Amino acid sequence: MKVLLTGGAGYIGSHVAVSLAAAGHDIVCFDNLSNSCADVIDRIEAITGKPVPLVVGDIRDRDGVRDAIKAHGANAVIHFAGLKAVGESVADPMKYYDNNVRGTLSLIEAMSDCDVRALVFSSSATVYGQPQYLPLDEAHPTSATNPYGRTKLMIEEMLGDIAAADPEWRIAVLRYFNPVGAHDSGLIGEDPGGTPNNLMPYISRVAAGRLPELPVFGNDYATPDGTGVRDYIHVADLADGHVAALGRIGAATDPLSVWNLGTGQGYSVLEMISAFERINGVPVPHRIEPRRPGDVASCYASPERARDELGWEAKRGLDEMCASTWRFERTAAMRNA
């Protein structure tokens, strides 16, 4: 297939681009570069040995998206372009509704203009809200505890309505848990602009001395060590899940399907710090701070549906997550020296 990746120069998008290319698909990246760099495309090309076109544009620009789809002959879209920081969404919800919800509607309109109706959507485990039971399966009731999660839930509901109205659509909704790690080459990984919002890039920057210490938000949760527990999944496994979902919807009879992408194993923040220190032989100074608004105590997946229906499951463990994160950090430091 020829696949348009919105947000394709970003952390997850770049790894999915590599997996798609390895599976024989052609790709084009569409990105406004608000939290990524154009030279990521060069690194994707170095890994894949294939040219990767980049269209610099914003998903809220319906005409620009439509022109990109037509110009490159895309017949499927994988949609990553979205803001994703929980704390920022609480502080500036309008920014999130504008970019995530309005942007997705604009994308859907552009796809309809081009008669392209195959879509894989990057959703989130935040749509489960405060867990009523664990592990979280796809039948768990949905809600949201913060504006970021509400944007993802609104988009899921919007896509459900669109699929019900037009059964020609083939939509995969992938509910991510916590992507971490980097490509084995060390060429691509999570490298956010400014101070990281996610745990692992923050840990690696503290370990490298780029930041003084890691804030740990809350140590009084009802978890074994009091810190939040999450299901961390290696980004390369996550990327392979997208390839599997894209292949599945091509032969699907249902217009919309939902799959969790997680490991089923939860680790606390302190466990992640300890593992990173042990595996990489570096200290990670940290301090305890108050809980963040919108966070939940524990969140981990039931991945059985993806295993049974997609033939996919996570293969990489915690050691590989921590080692590849540190490898990317060191490679990036050498590249920027």
Protein backbone atom coordinates (compact mmCIF):
# COMPACT_ATOMS: atom_id res chain seq x y z
CA MET A 1 0.00 0.00 0.00
CA LYS A 2 0.96 3.65 -0.26
CA VAL A 3 0.49 5.03 3.24
CA LEU A 4 0.33 8.66 4.37
CA LEU A 5 1.66 9.02 7.92
CA THR A 6 0.41 12.15 9.64
CA GLY A 7 2.97 13.07 12.28
CA GLY A 8 5.32 10.72 10.44
CA ALA A 9 8.50 12.50 11.55
CA GLY A 10 7.59 12.06 15.22
CA TYR A 11 8.63 9.40 17.69
CA ILE A 12 6.06 6.71 16.95
CA GLY A 13 5.50 7.75 13.33
CA SER A 14 9.18 7.34 12.43
CA HIS A 15 9.32 3.82 13.88
CA VAL A 16 6.11 2.85 12.08
CA ALA A 17 7.61 4.21 8.86
CA VAL A 18 10.54 1.81 9.29
CA SER A 19 8.26 -1.16 9.99
CA LEU A 20 6.00 -0.35 7.04
CA ALA A 21 8.98 -0.09 4.70
CA ALA A 22 10.30 -3.43 5.94
CA ALA A 23 6.88 -4.95 5.18
CA GLY A 24 7.02 -3.65 1.60
CA HIS A 25 4.71 -0.64 1.87
CA ASP A 26 5.49 2.77 0.36
CA ILE A 27 5.26 5.70 2.76
CA VAL A 28 4.99 9.47 2.73
CA CYS A 29 5.27 11.54 5.90
CA PHE A 30 3.04 14.56 6.57
CA ASP A 31 4.18 16.62 9.55
CA ASN A 32 4.15 20.23 10.74
CA LEU A 33 7.45 19.62 12.59
CA SER A 34 6.08 21.19 15.79
CA ASN A 35 7.66 18.46 17.90
CA SER A 36 10.00 16.78 15.43
CA CYS A 37 12.79 17.58 12.97
CA ALA A 38 13.02 17.16 9.22
CA ASP A 39 16.36 15.36 9.53
CA VAL A 40 14.50 12.42 11.09
CA ILE A 41 13.49 11.60 7.52
CA ASP A 42 17.16 11.25 6.57
CA ARG A 43 17.60 8.77 9.39
CA ILE A 44 14.52 6.78 8.35
CA GLU A 45 15.96 6.61 4.85
CA ALA A 46 19.33 5.48 6.23
CA ILE A 47 17.63 2.62 8.10
CA THR A 48 15.28 1.55 5.31
CA GLY A 49 17.43 2.28 2.26
CA LYS A 50 14.35 3.78 0.62
CA PRO A 51 13.35 7.37 -0.22
CA VAL A 52 10.74 8.80 2.14
CA PRO A 53 8.93 11.92 0.91
CA LEU A 54 8.14 14.56 3.55
CA VAL A 55 5.26 17.00 3.15
CA VAL A 56 5.45 19.82 5.68
CA GLY A 57 1.88 20.72 6.57
CA ASP A 58 -0.78 20.82 9.26
CA ILE A 59 -3.68 18.36 9.46
CA ARG A 60 -6.03 21.27 10.12
CA ASP A 61 -5.33 22.38 6.54
CA ARG A 62 -7.85 20.22 4.66
CA ASP A 63 -6.65 21.35 1.24
CA GLY A 64 -3.04 20.63 2.13
CA VAL A 65 -3.83 17.11 3.32
CA ARG A 66 -5.98 16.44 0.26
CA ASP A 67 -3.21 17.65 -2.06
CA ALA A 68 -0.67 15.40 -0.32
CA ILE A 69 -2.92 12.34 -0.62
CA LYS A 70 -3.53 12.97 -4.31
CA ALA A 71 0.04 13.92 -5.18
CA HIS A 72 1.49 10.76 -3.65
CA GLY A 73 -1.33 8.37 -4.52
CA ALA A 74 -1.91 7.32 -0.92
CA ASN A 75 -4.61 4.70 -0.41
CA ALA A 76 -4.39 4.49 3.39
CA VAL A 77 -3.60 6.85 6.28
CA ILE A 78 -2.06 6.19 9.67
CA HIS A 79 -2.84 9.14 11.91
CA PHE A 80 -0.33 10.10 14.60
CA ALA A 81 -0.49 13.90 14.40
CA GLY A 82 -1.69 15.04 17.79
CA LEU A 83 -0.68 16.75 21.00
CA LYS A 84 -0.15 14.28 23.83
CA ALA A 85 0.94 15.83 27.14
CA VAL A 86 -1.56 15.31 29.95
CA GLY A 87 -0.36 18.26 32.04
CA GLU A 88 -0.35 20.65 29.11
CA SER A 89 -3.86 19.56 28.15
CA VAL A 90 -5.09 20.45 31.64
CA ALA A 91 -3.44 23.87 31.41
CA ASP A 92 -4.49 24.61 27.81
CA PRO A 93 -7.46 22.41 26.79
CA MET A 94 -8.49 24.58 23.84
CA LYS A 95 -5.15 23.90 22.17
CA TYR A 96 -5.82 20.17 22.43
CA TYR A 97 -9.40 20.26 21.15
CA ASP A 98 -8.31 22.42 18.24
CA ASN A 99 -5.35 20.31 17.16
CA ASN A 100 -6.54 16.82 18.02
CA VAL A 101 -10.30 16.88 17.40
CA ARG A 102 -10.60 19.57 14.73
CA GLY A 103 -7.43 18.30 13.07
CA THR A 104 -8.79 14.76 12.82
CA LEU A 105 -12.09 15.98 11.39
CA SER A 106 -10.16 17.94 8.77
CA LEU A 107 -8.13 14.83 7.93
CA ILE A 108 -11.27 12.69 7.56
CA GLU A 109 -12.79 15.30 5.24
CA ALA A 110 -9.66 15.34 3.10
CA MET A 111 -9.63 11.53 2.92
CA SER A 112 -13.28 11.52 1.87
CA ASP A 113 -12.50 14.07 -0.84
CA CYS A 114 -9.95 11.60 -2.21
CA ASP A 115 -12.12 8.50 -1.75
CA VAL A 116 -9.56 7.05 0.68
CA ARG A 117 -11.28 5.22 3.52
CA ALA A 118 -8.59 3.08 5.16
CA LEU A 119 -7.43 4.62 8.45
CA VAL A 120 -5.37 3.50 11.43
CA PHE A 121 -5.85 5.89 14.34
CA SER A 122 -3.38 6.44 17.15
CA SER A 123 -5.53 6.36 20.27
CA SER A 124 -4.57 5.89 23.90
CA ALA A 125 -5.27 3.89 27.03
CA THR A 126 -6.31 7.19 28.60
CA VAL A 127 -9.76 6.59 27.07
CA TYR A 128 -10.34 4.02 29.83
CA GLY A 129 -10.27 6.78 32.44
CA GLN A 130 -10.07 5.66 36.05
CA PRO A 131 -9.74 1.86 35.75
CA GLN A 132 -12.69 -0.09 37.12
CA TYR A 133 -10.70 -3.32 36.81
CA LEU A 134 -7.30 -4.49 35.64
CA PRO A 135 -6.00 -5.53 33.22
CA LEU A 136 -7.85 -3.24 30.86
CA ASP A 137 -9.54 -4.98 27.95
CA GLU A 138 -11.32 -3.36 25.02
CA ALA A 139 -14.72 -3.93 26.67
CA HIS A 140 -13.79 -1.75 29.65
CA PRO A 141 -16.06 1.31 29.89
CA THR A 142 -14.53 4.44 28.41
CA SER A 143 -14.22 7.83 30.04
CA ALA A 144 -11.42 10.33 30.55
CA THR A 145 -9.70 12.02 33.48
CA ASN A 146 -8.05 14.85 31.52
CA PRO A 147 -8.56 16.90 28.33
CA TYR A 148 -5.96 14.92 26.38
CA GLY A 149 -7.85 11.71 27.07
CA ARG A 150 -11.14 13.38 26.22
CA THR A 151 -9.81 14.40 22.79
CA LYS A 152 -8.87 10.80 22.08
CA LEU A 153 -12.26 9.57 23.26
CA MET A 154 -14.11 12.20 21.22
CA ILE A 155 -12.17 11.15 18.12
CA GLU A 156 -12.95 7.48 18.75
CA GLU A 157 -16.64 8.29 19.05
CA MET A 158 -16.51 10.46 15.93
CA LEU A 159 -14.85 7.65 13.97
CA GLY A 160 -17.50 5.24 15.21
CA ASP A 161 -20.25 7.51 13.92
CA ILE A 162 -18.51 7.93 10.57
CA ALA A 163 -18.04 4.17 10.17
CA ALA A 164 -21.70 3.54 11.05
CA ALA A 165 -22.86 6.11 8.50
CA ASP A 166 -20.59 4.85 5.71
CA PRO A 167 -19.69 1.14 5.92
CA GLU A 168 -17.10 1.59 3.15
CA TRP A 169 -14.70 2.86 5.81
CA ARG A 170 -12.12 0.50 7.29
CA ILE A 171 -10.82 1.98 10.53
CA ALA A 172 -8.48 0.53 13.15
CA VAL A 173 -8.40 2.24 16.53
CA LEU A 174 -5.20 1.34 18.39
CA ARG A 175 -5.20 2.09 22.09
CA TYR A 176 -1.56 2.53 23.06
CA PHE A 177 -0.28 2.03 26.52
CA ASN A 178 3.17 3.63 27.17
CA PRO A 179 5.60 3.51 24.23
CA VAL A 180 9.28 3.60 25.18
CA GLY A 181 12.63 2.61 23.71
CA ALA A 182 14.20 3.30 20.35
CA HIS A 183 15.28 1.64 17.12
CA ASP A 184 18.20 -0.78 17.44
CA SER A 185 20.34 1.46 15.22
CA GLY A 186 20.14 4.34 17.71
CA LEU A 187 19.21 6.63 14.82
CA ILE A 188 15.60 7.29 15.80
CA GLY A 189 13.96 7.51 19.20
CA GLU A 190 12.00 9.81 21.46
CA ASP A 191 13.60 13.27 21.37
CA PRO A 192 10.97 15.87 22.32
CA GLY A 193 11.64 19.56 22.13
CA GLY A 194 12.02 21.26 25.52
CA THR A 195 11.50 19.39 28.77
CA PRO A 196 10.13 15.87 28.17
CA ASN A 197 6.60 15.04 29.28
CA ASN A 198 7.16 11.28 29.16
CA LEU A 199 9.13 9.23 31.64
CA MET A 200 11.82 7.50 29.61
CA PRO A 201 13.26 10.46 27.69
CA TYR A 202 13.31 12.35 30.98
CA ILE A 203 15.20 9.50 32.64
CA SER A 204 17.74 9.33 29.80
CA ARG A 205 18.36 13.09 29.84
CA VAL A 206 18.91 13.03 33.59
CA ALA A 207 21.29 10.07 33.20
CA ALA A 208 23.18 12.01 30.51
CA GLY A 209 23.42 15.10 32.72
CA ARG A 210 21.23 17.19 30.44
CA LEU A 211 18.69 17.62 33.25
CA PRO A 212 19.55 17.70 36.97
CA GLU A 213 17.01 15.20 38.35
CA LEU A 214 13.79 13.40 37.56
CA PRO A 215 10.55 14.52 39.21
CA VAL A 216 8.45 11.57 40.38
CA PHE A 217 4.86 12.72 40.61
CA GLY A 218 3.30 11.08 43.64
CA ASN A 219 4.49 8.29 45.95
CA ASP A 220 1.21 7.73 47.79
CA TYR A 221 -0.75 5.77 45.19
CA ALA A 222 -2.25 2.39 46.06
CA THR A 223 0.62 0.57 44.33
CA PRO A 224 3.42 -1.62 45.73
CA ASP A 225 5.88 1.28 46.12
CA GLY A 226 3.41 4.19 46.00
CA THR A 227 4.42 5.41 42.51
CA GLY A 228 2.29 5.13 39.39
CA VAL A 229 2.25 1.82 37.51
CA ARG A 230 2.11 1.75 33.72
CA ASP A 231 2.31 -0.78 30.89
CA TYR A 232 5.48 0.13 28.97
CA ILE A 233 5.72 -1.22 25.42
CA HIS A 234 8.78 -1.06 23.18
CA VAL A 235 8.12 1.32 20.30
CA ALA A 236 9.35 -1.24 17.76
CA ASP A 237 6.71 -3.71 18.99
CA LEU A 238 4.13 -0.94 18.81
CA ALA A 239 5.19 -0.19 15.23
CA ASP A 240 4.75 -3.83 14.24
CA GLY A 241 1.24 -3.66 15.66
CA HIS A 242 0.39 -0.91 13.16
CA VAL A 243 1.58 -3.04 10.26
CA ALA A 244 -0.58 -5.91 11.51
CA ALA A 245 -3.62 -3.64 11.94
CA LEU A 246 -3.21 -2.15 8.47
CA GLY A 247 -3.12 -5.62 6.96
CA ARG A 248 -6.14 -6.73 8.96
CA ILE A 249 -8.45 -3.86 8.03
CA GLY A 250 -7.73 -4.47 4.37
CA ALA A 251 -9.59 -7.77 4.68
CA ALA A 252 -12.00 -6.77 7.45
CA THR A 253 -15.76 -6.97 7.16
CA ASP A 254 -16.41 -4.57 10.03
CA PRO A 255 -15.92 -0.86 9.30
CA LEU A 256 -14.25 -0.21 12.68
CA SER A 257 -12.12 -2.35 15.00
CA VAL A 258 -10.44 -1.55 18.32
CA TRP A 259 -7.28 -3.15 19.68
CA ASN A 260 -5.09 -2.55 22.73
CA LEU A 261 -1.36 -2.42 22.08
CA GLY A 262 0.36 -3.24 25.35
CA THR A 263 2.28 -6.00 27.11
CA GLY A 264 -0.03 -6.84 30.00
CA GLN A 265 2.77 -6.12 32.49
CA GLY A 266 2.86 -3.03 34.71
CA TYR A 267 5.97 -1.36 36.14
CA SER A 268 6.13 1.50 38.63
CA VAL A 269 8.11 4.68 38.11
CA LEU A 270 10.65 3.62 40.73
CA GLU A 271 10.98 0.21 39.09
CA MET A 272 11.70 1.90 35.76
CA ILE A 273 14.36 4.11 37.34
CA SER A 274 15.99 1.12 39.03
CA ALA A 275 15.93 -0.94 35.83
CA PHE A 276 17.48 1.87 33.79
CA GLU A 277 20.27 2.30 36.35
CA ARG A 278 20.93 -1.45 36.50
CA ILE A 279 20.90 -2.11 32.77
CA ASN A 280 22.91 0.92 31.69
CA GLY A 281 25.17 1.40 34.71
CA VAL A 282 24.28 5.06 35.20
CA PRO A 283 22.65 6.90 38.11
CA VAL A 284 19.28 8.64 37.73
CA PRO A 285 18.85 11.22 40.52
CA HIS A 286 15.18 11.81 41.32
CA ARG A 287 12.91 13.64 43.73
CA ILE A 288 9.33 13.07 44.87
CA GLU A 289 6.77 15.73 43.95
CA PRO A 290 2.98 15.96 44.41
CA ARG A 291 0.67 14.01 42.12
CA ARG A 292 -0.16 15.51 38.74
CA PRO A 293 -3.79 16.33 37.94
CA GLY A 294 -5.38 13.72 35.72
CA ASP A 295 -3.03 10.82 36.50
CA VAL A 296 -4.29 7.40 37.62
CA ALA A 297 -2.57 4.95 39.97
CA SER A 298 -2.27 1.90 37.70
CA CYS A 299 -2.92 1.19 34.05
CA TYR A 300 -1.95 -1.93 32.14
CA ALA A 301 -3.38 -3.81 29.21
CA SER A 302 -5.12 -7.00 28.42
CA PRO A 303 -3.44 -7.66 25.02
CA GLU A 304 -5.30 -10.88 24.18
CA ARG A 305 -7.54 -9.46 21.44
CA ALA A 306 -4.58 -8.16 19.43
CA ARG A 307 -2.85 -11.50 19.83
CA ASP A 308 -5.90 -13.47 18.75
CA GLU A 309 -7.13 -11.22 15.93
CA LEU A 310 -3.94 -9.59 14.63
CA GLY A 311 -1.46 -12.35 15.38
CA TRP A 312 0.58 -9.68 17.18
CA GLU A 313 2.14 -9.55 20.61
CA ALA A 314 4.94 -7.58 22.24
CA LYS A 315 8.29 -9.39 22.06
CA ARG A 316 10.79 -6.99 23.64
CA GLY A 317 11.26 -6.78 27.38
CA LEU A 318 12.26 -4.15 29.90
CA ASP A 319 16.00 -4.66 29.36
CA GLU A 320 15.67 -3.86 25.65
CA MET A 321 13.47 -0.84 26.41
CA CYS A 322 16.05 0.67 28.75
CA ALA A 323 19.13 -0.27 26.71
CA SER A 324 17.76 1.11 23.43
CA THR A 325 16.65 4.36 25.11
CA TRP A 326 20.19 4.93 26.41
CA ARG A 327 21.73 3.94 23.07
CA PHE A 328 19.61 6.55 21.32
CA GLU A 329 20.53 9.19 23.91
CA ARG A 330 24.25 8.58 23.41
CA THR A 331 23.95 8.44 19.62
CA ALA A 332 22.02 11.71 19.59
CA ALA A 333 24.68 13.32 21.80
CA MET A 334 27.42 12.31 19.36
CA ARG A 335 25.36 13.51 16.41
CA ASN A 336 24.78 16.90 18.03
CA ALA A 337 28.33 17.35 19.33
